[in-house]
């Protein structure tokens, strides 16, 4: 009888274990499936990043390239002329290659490889479908416009102003406001725009709009331009260091 009791207890224990197994497996499976779904639903950014990578392979050039002016295309900045020259900036006189002299005698010079980069955008057929614009918060818009008229490209000998066939935003409100208007007026999405600026704060704020941005604290150099073009389109919020 004792042997039979032990066998019955053993059988009961086995049956209990079997029942627990059948109950736990569905619960575990449901929990695992829920966790999987949760992780999958949390990964839209990875999916978008993957799609963005595909776009990068398919899109070789931006539809619109926008440049800042002061400290990005030339130096010194207009506010420096305003203070150092005691308000004597214009008229500007050409004094050498890529150089202008202000009314107070201060020399304004194109930075880096600005002249050659703009020459390429103007003359190279591969850029014929890309428009070029300006986003500047310069303190003296009339002086800046005069410099754009008087500086010339090194080979075609046309004014810099000729290159800028795209939107011109020269006003003291924020760069993000500039790009809101630029995108709206041109119909070009933020993701199809490339922007060059020497101030990192401007670069970071505009990059959060979805614009591809290159920070060039020493002005637009050939290396900075190539790196920005090769990185286009950038991930949201990314700033290319020129």
C-alpha atoms as a PDB file:
ATOM      1  CA  UNK A   1       0.000   0.000   0.000  1.00  0.00           C
ATOM      2  CA  UNK A   2       2.810   2.364   0.838  1.00  0.00           C
ATOM      3  CA  UNK A   3       4.374   1.622  -2.540  1.00  0.00           C
ATOM      4  CA  UNK A   4       1.097   2.440  -4.281  1.00  0.00           C
ATOM      5  CA  UNK A   5       0.846   5.747  -2.347  1.00  0.00           C
ATOM      6  CA  UNK A   6       4.322   6.760  -3.486  1.00  0.00           C
ATOM      7  CA  UNK A   7       3.464   5.899  -7.086  1.00  0.00           C
ATOM      8  CA  UNK A   8       0.230   7.895  -6.899  1.00  0.00           C
ATOM      9  CA  UNK A   9       2.062  10.901  -5.422  1.00  0.00           C
ATOM     10  CA  UNK A  10       4.739  10.657  -8.094  1.00  0.00           C
ATOM     11  CA  UNK A  11       2.111  10.504 -10.808  1.00  0.00           C
ATOM     12  CA  UNK A  12       0.318  13.492  -9.300  1.00  0.00           C
ATOM     13  CA  UNK A  13       3.556  15.474  -9.163  1.00  0.00           C
ATOM     14  CA  UNK A  14       4.301  14.632 -12.789  1.00  0.00           C
ATOM     15  CA  UNK A  15       0.798  15.665 -13.818  1.00  0.00           C
ATOM     16  CA  UNK A  16       1.134  18.956 -11.896  1.00  0.00           C
ATOM     17  CA  UNK A  17       4.472  19.656 -13.571  1.00  0.00           C
ATOM     18  CA  UNK A  18       2.973  18.893 -16.955  1.00  0.00           C
ATOM     19  CA  UNK A  19       0.024  21.215 -16.352  1.00  0.00           C
ATOM     20  CA  UNK A  20       2.330  24.018 -15.170  1.00  0.00           C
ATOM     21  CA  UNK A  21       4.432  23.596 -18.288  1.00  0.00           C
ATOM     22  CA  UNK A  22       1.395  23.894 -20.554  1.00  0.00           C
ATOM     23  CA  UNK A  23       0.246  26.992 -18.655  1.00  0.00           C
ATOM     24  CA  UNK A  24       3.643  28.711 -18.579  1.00  0.00           C
ATOM     25  CA  UNK A  25       4.560  28.176 -22.210  1.00  0.00           C
ATOM     26  CA  UNK A  26       1.668  30.265 -23.606  1.00  0.00           C
ATOM     27  CA  UNK A  27       2.263  32.956 -20.983  1.00  0.00           C
ATOM     28  CA  UNK A  28       5.969  33.079 -21.826  1.00  0.00           C
ATOM     29  CA  UNK A  29       5.235  33.098 -25.525  1.00  0.00           C
ATOM     30  CA  UNK A  30       2.724  35.930 -25.124  1.00  0.00           C
ATOM     31  CA  UNK A  31       5.202  37.914 -23.020  1.00  0.00           C
ATOM     32  CA  UNK A  32       7.967  37.347 -25.566  1.00  0.00           C
ATOM     33  CA  UNK A  33       5.684  38.371 -28.412  1.00  0.00           C
ATOM     34  CA  UNK A  34       4.654  41.519 -26.530  1.00  0.00           C
ATOM     35  CA  UNK A  35       8.305  42.402 -25.881  1.00  0.00           C
ATOM     36  CA  UNK A  36       9.131  41.839 -29.546  1.00  0.00           C
ATOM     37  CA  UNK A  37       6.255  44.030 -30.635  1.00  0.00           C
ATOM     38  CA  UNK A  38       7.279  46.718 -28.179  1.00  0.00           C
ATOM     39  CA  UNK A  39      10.865  46.737 -29.410  1.00  0.00           C
ATOM     40  CA  UNK A  40       9.759  46.771 -33.013  1.00  0.00           C
ATOM     41  CA  UNK A  41       7.372  49.665 -32.389  1.00  0.00           C
ATOM     42  CA  UNK A  42      10.169  51.619 -30.716  1.00  0.00           C
ATOM     43  CA  UNK A  43      12.400  51.390 -33.789  1.00  0.00           C
ATOM     44  CA  UNK A  44      10.917  53.812 -36.352  1.00  0.00           C
ATOM     45  CA  UNK A  45      14.065  55.886 -36.176  1.00  0.00           C
ATOM     46  CA  UNK A  46      16.132  52.872 -37.244  1.00  0.00           C
ATOM     47  CA  UNK A  47      13.741  52.216 -40.076  1.00  0.00           C
ATOM     48  CA  UNK A  48      13.890  55.866 -41.146  1.00  0.00           C
ATOM     49  CA  UNK A  49      17.673  55.795 -40.903  1.00  0.00           C
ATOM     50  CA  UNK A  50      17.725  52.778 -43.200  1.00  0.00           C
ATOM     51  CA  UNK A  51      15.460  54.507 -45.709  1.00  0.00           C
ATOM     52  CA  UNK A  52      17.601  57.626 -45.433  1.00  0.00           C
ATOM     53  CA  UNK A  53      20.618  55.516 -46.350  1.00  0.00           C
ATOM     54  CA  UNK A  54      18.828  54.315 -49.481  1.00  0.00           C
ATOM     55  CA  UNK A  55      18.058  57.931 -50.375  1.00  0.00           C
ATOM     56  CA  UNK A  56      21.720  58.791 -49.903  1.00  0.00           C
ATOM     57  CA  UNK A  57      22.633  56.187 -52.503  1.00  0.00           C
ATOM     58  CA  UNK A  58      20.028  57.473 -54.948  1.00  0.00           C
ATOM     59  CA  UNK A  59      20.402  61.238 -54.406  1.00  0.00           C
ATOM     60  CA  UNK A  60      23.815  62.538 -55.394  1.00  0.00           C
ATOM     61  CA  UNK A  61      23.268  66.300 -55.269  1.00  0.00           C
ATOM     62  CA  UNK A  62      21.121  68.730 -53.289  1.00  0.00           C
ATOM     63  CA  UNK A  63      18.392  70.674 -55.053  1.00  0.00           C
ATOM     64  CA  UNK A  64      19.447  73.847 -53.248  1.00  0.00           C
ATOM     65  CA  UNK A  65      22.745  74.971 -51.680  1.00  0.00           C
ATOM     66  CA  UNK A  66      22.617  77.914 -49.282  1.00  0.00           C
ATOM     67  CA  UNK A  67      25.552  79.936 -47.957  1.00  0.00           C
ATOM     68  CA  UNK A  68      25.947  82.281 -45.030  1.00  0.00           C
ATOM     69  CA  UNK A  69      27.948  85.454 -45.849  1.00  0.00           C
ATOM     70  CA  UNK A  70      29.908  87.038 -42.969  1.00  0.00           C
ATOM     71  CA  UNK A  71      32.672  84.746 -41.708  1.00  0.00           C
ATOM     72  CA  UNK A  72      31.641  82.087 -44.204  1.00  0.00           C
ATOM     73  CA  UNK A  73      32.332  83.694 -47.592  1.00  0.00           C
ATOM     74  CA  UNK A  74      34.432  86.639 -46.476  1.00  0.00           C
ATOM     75  CA  UNK A  75      36.201  88.284 -43.549  1.00  0.00           C
ATOM     76  CA  UNK A  76      35.981  90.531 -41.588  1.00  0.00           C
ATOM     77  CA  UNK A  77      32.288  90.510 -40.841  1.00  0.00           C
ATOM     78  CA  UNK A  78      30.215  93.606 -41.524  1.00  0.00           C
ATOM     79  CA  UNK A  79      29.695  94.374 -37.846  1.00  0.00           C
ATOM     80  CA  UNK A  80      33.492  94.507 -37.456  1.00  0.00           C
ATOM     81  CA  UNK A  81      33.718  97.023 -40.279  1.00  0.00           C
ATOM     82  CA  UNK A  82      30.904  98.970 -38.686  1.00  0.00           C
ATOM     83  CA  UNK A  83      32.748  99.327 -35.389  1.00  0.00           C
ATOM     84  CA  UNK A  84      36.387  99.374 -36.449  1.00  0.00           C
ATOM     85  CA  UNK A  85      35.779 101.675 -39.395  1.00  0.00           C
ATOM     86  CA  UNK A  86      33.403 103.874 -37.392  1.00  0.00           C
ATOM     87  CA  UNK A  87      30.663 103.285 -39.879  1.00  0.00           C
ATOM     88  CA  UNK A  88      32.890 103.682 -42.953  1.00  0.00           C
ATOM     89  CA  UNK A  89      32.413 100.540 -45.029  1.00  0.00           C
ATOM     90  CA  UNK A  90      30.987 101.341 -48.429  1.00  0.00           C
ATOM     91  CA  UNK A  91      32.063 102.088 -51.107  1.00  0.00           C
ATOM     92  CA  UNK A  92      34.415  99.123 -51.588  1.00  0.00           C
ATOM     93  CA  UNK A  93      37.316  99.190 -54.026  1.00  0.00           C
ATOM     94  CA  UNK A  94      38.959  96.102 -55.633  1.00  0.00           C
ATOM     95  CA  UNK A  95      42.644  95.984 -54.680  1.00  0.00           C
ATOM     96  CA  UNK A  96      43.714  92.463 -55.639  1.00  0.00           C
ATOM     97  CA  UNK A  97      42.592  88.923 -56.213  1.00  0.00           C
ATOM     98  CA  UNK A  98      39.616  88.203 -53.964  1.00  0.00           C
ATOM     99  CA  UNK A  99      40.179  91.437 -52.017  1.00  0.00           C
ATOM    100  CA  UNK A 100      38.213  94.626 -51.477  1.00  0.00           C
ATOM    101  CA  UNK A 101      39.159  97.708 -49.518  1.00  0.00           C
ATOM    102  CA  UNK A 102      36.541  99.505 -47.462  1.00  0.00           C
ATOM    103  CA  UNK A 103      36.184 103.279 -47.300  1.00  0.00           C
ATOM    104  CA  UNK A 104      38.096 103.193 -44.013  1.00  0.00           C
ATOM    105  CA  UNK A 105      40.982 101.186 -45.508  1.00  0.00           C
ATOM    106  CA  UNK A 106      40.070  97.780 -44.065  1.00  0.00           C
ATOM    107  CA  UNK A 107      40.655  94.862 -46.435  1.00  0.00           C
ATOM    108  CA  UNK A 108      37.777  92.416 -46.950  1.00  0.00           C
ATOM    109  CA  UNK A 109      38.915  89.083 -48.377  1.00  0.00           C
ATOM    110  CA  UNK A 110      37.157  85.984 -49.650  1.00  0.00           C
ATOM    111  CA  UNK A 111      37.880  83.053 -47.356  1.00  0.00           C
ATOM    112  CA  UNK A 112      39.263  79.617 -48.120  1.00  0.00           C
ATOM    113  CA  UNK A 113      38.302  78.341 -51.563  1.00  0.00           C
ATOM    114  CA  UNK A 114      35.083  80.352 -51.818  1.00  0.00           C
ATOM    115  CA  UNK A 115      35.889  81.794 -55.265  1.00  0.00           C
ATOM    116  CA  UNK A 116      36.699  78.405 -56.792  1.00  0.00           C
ATOM    117  CA  UNK A 117      33.750  76.617 -55.156  1.00  0.00           C
ATOM    118  CA  UNK A 118      31.340  79.261 -56.449  1.00  0.00           C
ATOM    119  CA  UNK A 119      33.021  79.089 -59.873  1.00  0.00           C
ATOM    120  CA  UNK A 120      32.331  75.369 -59.965  1.00  0.00           C
ATOM    121  CA  UNK A 121      28.693  75.834 -58.980  1.00  0.00           C
ATOM    122  CA  UNK A 122      28.340  78.463 -61.704  1.00  0.00           C
ATOM    123  CA  UNK A 123      30.274  76.801 -64.552  1.00  0.00           C
ATOM    124  CA  UNK A 124      30.213  73.027 -64.074  1.00  0.00           C
ATOM    125  CA  UNK A 125      27.250  71.431 -65.922  1.00  0.00           C
ATOM    126  CA  UNK A 126      26.771  68.855 -63.175  1.00  0.00           C
ATOM    127  CA  UNK A 127      25.360  71.632 -60.975  1.00  0.00           C
ATOM    128  CA  UNK A 128      22.983  73.042 -63.594  1.00  0.00           C
ATOM    129  CA  UNK A 129      19.902  71.737 -61.756  1.00  0.00           C
ATOM    130  CA  UNK A 130      21.077  72.944 -58.338  1.00  0.00           C
ATOM    131  CA  UNK A 131      20.106  76.443 -57.227  1.00  0.00           C
ATOM    132  CA  UNK A 132      22.335  78.497 -54.929  1.00  0.00           C
ATOM    133  CA  UNK A 133      20.983  80.850 -52.283  1.00  0.00           C
ATOM    134  CA  UNK A 134      21.931  82.978 -49.279  1.00  0.00           C
ATOM    135  CA  UNK A 135      20.942  82.981 -45.608  1.00  0.00           C
ATOM    136  CA  UNK A 136      22.631  85.830 -43.737  1.00  0.00           C
ATOM    137  CA  UNK A 137      22.032  87.865 -40.586  1.00  0.00           C
ATOM    138  CA  UNK A 138      24.631  90.483 -41.514  1.00  0.00           C
ATOM    139  CA  UNK A 139      24.448  93.838 -39.748  1.00  0.00           C
ATOM    140  CA  UNK A 140      24.897  95.764 -43.009  1.00  0.00           C
ATOM    141  CA  UNK A 141      22.860  94.198 -45.851  1.00  0.00           C
ATOM    142  CA  UNK A 142      23.646  97.009 -48.322  1.00  0.00           C
ATOM    143  CA  UNK A 143      27.399  96.536 -47.822  1.00  0.00           C
ATOM    144  CA  UNK A 144      27.054  92.783 -48.246  1.00  0.00           C
ATOM    145  CA  UNK A 145      25.086  93.237 -51.487  1.00  0.00           C
ATOM    146  CA  UNK A 146      27.759  95.614 -52.805  1.00  0.00           C
ATOM    147  CA  UNK A 147      30.475  93.032 -52.093  1.00  0.00           C
ATOM    148  CA  UNK A 148      28.442  90.382 -53.928  1.00  0.00           C
ATOM    149  CA  UNK A 149      28.308  92.708 -56.931  1.00  0.00           C
ATOM    150  CA  UNK A 150      32.012  93.634 -56.886  1.00  0.00           C
ATOM    151  CA  UNK A 151      33.742  90.335 -56.048  1.00  0.00           C
ATOM    152  CA  UNK A 152      34.279  88.300 -59.229  1.00  0.00           C
ATOM    153  CA  UNK A 153      34.679  84.637 -60.019  1.00  0.00           C
ATOM    154  CA  UNK A 154      38.302  83.799 -60.953  1.00  0.00           C
ATOM    155  CA  UNK A 155      37.663  82.319 -64.422  1.00  0.00           C
ATOM    156  CA  UNK A 156      34.320  83.484 -65.765  1.00  0.00           C
ATOM    157  CA  UNK A 157      34.891  86.991 -64.333  1.00  0.00           C
ATOM    158  CA  UNK A 158      31.244  87.458 -63.464  1.00  0.00           C
ATOM    159  CA  UNK A 159      30.099  88.942 -60.122  1.00  0.00           C
ATOM    160  CA  UNK A 160      29.495  86.557 -57.229  1.00  0.00           C
ATOM    161  CA  UNK A 161      25.902  87.731 -57.279  1.00  0.00           C
ATOM    162  CA  UNK A 162      25.436  85.866 -60.594  1.00  0.00           C
ATOM    163  CA  UNK A 163      25.895  82.521 -58.835  1.00  0.00           C
ATOM    164  CA  UNK A 164      23.057  83.092 -56.394  1.00  0.00           C
ATOM    165  CA  UNK A 165      20.030  82.213 -58.527  1.00  0.00           C
ATOM    166  CA  UNK A 166      18.162  80.804 -55.551  1.00  0.00           C
ATOM    167  CA  UNK A 167      16.426  82.516 -52.635  1.00  0.00           C
ATOM    168  CA  UNK A 168      18.148  85.418 -50.888  1.00  0.00           C
ATOM    169  CA  UNK A 169      17.442  85.752 -47.175  1.00  0.00           C
ATOM    170  CA  UNK A 170      19.333  88.681 -45.646  1.00  0.00           C
ATOM    171  CA  UNK A 171      17.585  89.698 -42.439  1.00  0.00           C
ATOM    172  CA  UNK A 172      18.299  89.689 -38.727  1.00  0.00           C
ATOM    173  CA  UNK A 173      15.714  87.110 -37.663  1.00  0.00           C
ATOM    174  CA  UNK A 174      16.709  83.507 -36.935  1.00  0.00           C
ATOM    175  CA  UNK A 175      18.213  81.122 -39.477  1.00  0.00           C
ATOM    176  CA  UNK A 176      15.379  78.695 -38.816  1.00  0.00           C
ATOM    177  CA  UNK A 177      12.941  81.413 -39.900  1.00  0.00           C
ATOM    178  CA  UNK A 178      15.059  81.945 -43.004  1.00  0.00           C
ATOM    179  CA  UNK A 179      14.773  78.289 -43.935  1.00  0.00           C
ATOM    180  CA  UNK A 180      11.063  78.140 -43.225  1.00  0.00           C
ATOM    181  CA  UNK A 181      10.609  80.892 -45.815  1.00  0.00           C
ATOM    182  CA  UNK A 182      13.183  79.412 -48.200  1.00  0.00           C
ATOM    183  CA  UNK A 183      11.484  76.015 -48.230  1.00  0.00           C
ATOM    184  CA  UNK A 184       8.027  77.550 -48.568  1.00  0.00           C
ATOM    185  CA  UNK A 185       8.942  79.970 -51.375  1.00  0.00           C
ATOM    186  CA  UNK A 186      10.909  77.441 -53.432  1.00  0.00           C
ATOM    187  CA  UNK A 187       8.911  74.307 -52.696  1.00  0.00           C
ATOM    188  CA  UNK A 188      12.191  72.517 -51.892  1.00  0.00           C
ATOM    189  CA  UNK A 189      11.892  70.223 -48.832  1.00  0.00           C
ATOM    190  CA  UNK A 190      14.395  70.709 -46.007  1.00  0.00           C
ATOM    191  CA  UNK A 191      15.862  67.279 -46.797  1.00  0.00           C
ATOM    192  CA  UNK A 192      16.974  68.483 -50.251  1.00  0.00           C
ATOM    193  CA  UNK A 193      18.881  71.541 -48.972  1.00  0.00           C
ATOM    194  CA  UNK A 194      22.593  71.839 -48.097  1.00  0.00           C
ATOM    195  CA  UNK A 195      23.691  74.764 -45.901  1.00  0.00           C
ATOM    196  CA  UNK A 196      27.125  76.216 -45.047  1.00  0.00           C
ATOM    197  CA  UNK A 197      27.624  78.435 -41.974  1.00  0.00           C
ATOM    198  CA  UNK A 198      30.546  79.410 -39.760  1.00  0.00           C
ATOM    199  CA  UNK A 199      28.493  79.594 -36.535  1.00  0.00           C
ATOM    200  CA  UNK A 200      27.829  76.244 -34.894  1.00  0.00           C
ATOM    201  CA  UNK A 201      24.649  77.434 -33.156  1.00  0.00           C
ATOM    202  CA  UNK A 202      23.077  78.258 -36.514  1.00  0.00           C
ATOM    203  CA  UNK A 203      24.227  74.941 -37.916  1.00  0.00           C
ATOM    204  CA  UNK A 204      22.704  72.928 -35.078  1.00  0.00           C
ATOM    205  CA  UNK A 205      19.335  74.671 -35.121  1.00  0.00           C
ATOM    206  CA  UNK A 206      18.954  74.405 -38.903  1.00  0.00           C
ATOM    207  CA  UNK A 207      20.046  70.741 -38.903  1.00  0.00           C
ATOM    208  CA  UNK A 208      17.091  70.005 -36.599  1.00  0.00           C
ATOM    209  CA  UNK A 209      14.791  71.176 -39.361  1.00  0.00           C
ATOM    210  CA  UNK A 210      16.105  68.342 -41.529  1.00  0.00           C
ATOM    211  CA  UNK A 211      18.550  70.439 -43.570  1.00  0.00           C
ATOM    212  CA  UNK A 212      21.999  68.954 -44.265  1.00  0.00           C
ATOM    213  CA  UNK A 213      24.479  71.356 -42.684  1.00  0.00           C
ATOM    214  CA  UNK A 214      28.238  71.948 -42.822  1.00  0.00           C
ATOM    215  CA  UNK A 215      29.992  73.927 -40.101  1.00  0.00           C
ATOM    216  CA  UNK A 216      32.924  75.819 -41.634  1.00  0.00           C
ATOM    217  CA  UNK A 217      34.474  78.118 -38.997  1.00  0.00           C
ATOM    218  CA  UNK A 218      37.338  79.070 -41.347  1.00  0.00           C
ATOM    219  CA  UNK A 219      35.107  79.732 -44.323  1.00  0.00           C
ATOM    220  CA  UNK A 220      34.154  77.456 -47.193  1.00  0.00           C
ATOM    221  CA  UNK A 221      37.203  75.410 -48.190  1.00  0.00           C
ATOM    222  CA  UNK A 222      37.409  72.814 -50.942  1.00  0.00           C
ATOM    223  CA  UNK A 223      37.734  70.090 -48.314  1.00  0.00           C
ATOM    224  CA  UNK A 224      34.654  71.314 -46.431  1.00  0.00           C
ATOM    225  CA  UNK A 225      32.619  71.539 -49.621  1.00  0.00           C
ATOM    226  CA  UNK A 226      33.580  68.047 -50.787  1.00  0.00           C
ATOM    227  CA  UNK A 227      32.946  66.538 -47.357  1.00  0.00           C
ATOM    228  CA  UNK A 228      29.497  68.142 -47.175  1.00  0.00           C
ATOM    229  CA  UNK A 229      28.518  67.048 -50.682  1.00  0.00           C
ATOM    230  CA  UNK A 230      29.760  63.499 -50.083  1.00  0.00           C
ATOM    231  CA  UNK A 231      27.804  63.332 -46.797  1.00  0.00           C
ATOM    232  CA  UNK A 232      24.576  64.555 -48.376  1.00  0.00           C
ATOM    233  CA  UNK A 233      21.907  63.918 -47.247  1.00  0.00           C
ATOM    234  CA  UNK A 234      22.874  63.920 -43.562  1.00  0.00           C
ATOM    235  CA  UNK A 235      20.952  62.314 -40.734  1.00  0.00           C
ATOM    236  CA  UNK A 236      18.505  64.577 -38.892  1.00  0.00           C
ATOM    237  CA  UNK A 237      20.408  66.843 -36.481  1.00  0.00           C
ATOM    238  CA  UNK A 238      23.841  65.898 -37.819  1.00  0.00           C
ATOM    239  CA  UNK A 239      26.379  68.646 -38.545  1.00  0.00           C
ATOM    240  CA  UNK A 240      29.286  67.938 -40.904  1.00  0.00           C
ATOM    241  CA  UNK A 241      32.529  69.483 -39.654  1.00  0.00           C
ATOM    242  CA  UNK A 242      34.255  71.378 -42.459  1.00  0.00           C
END
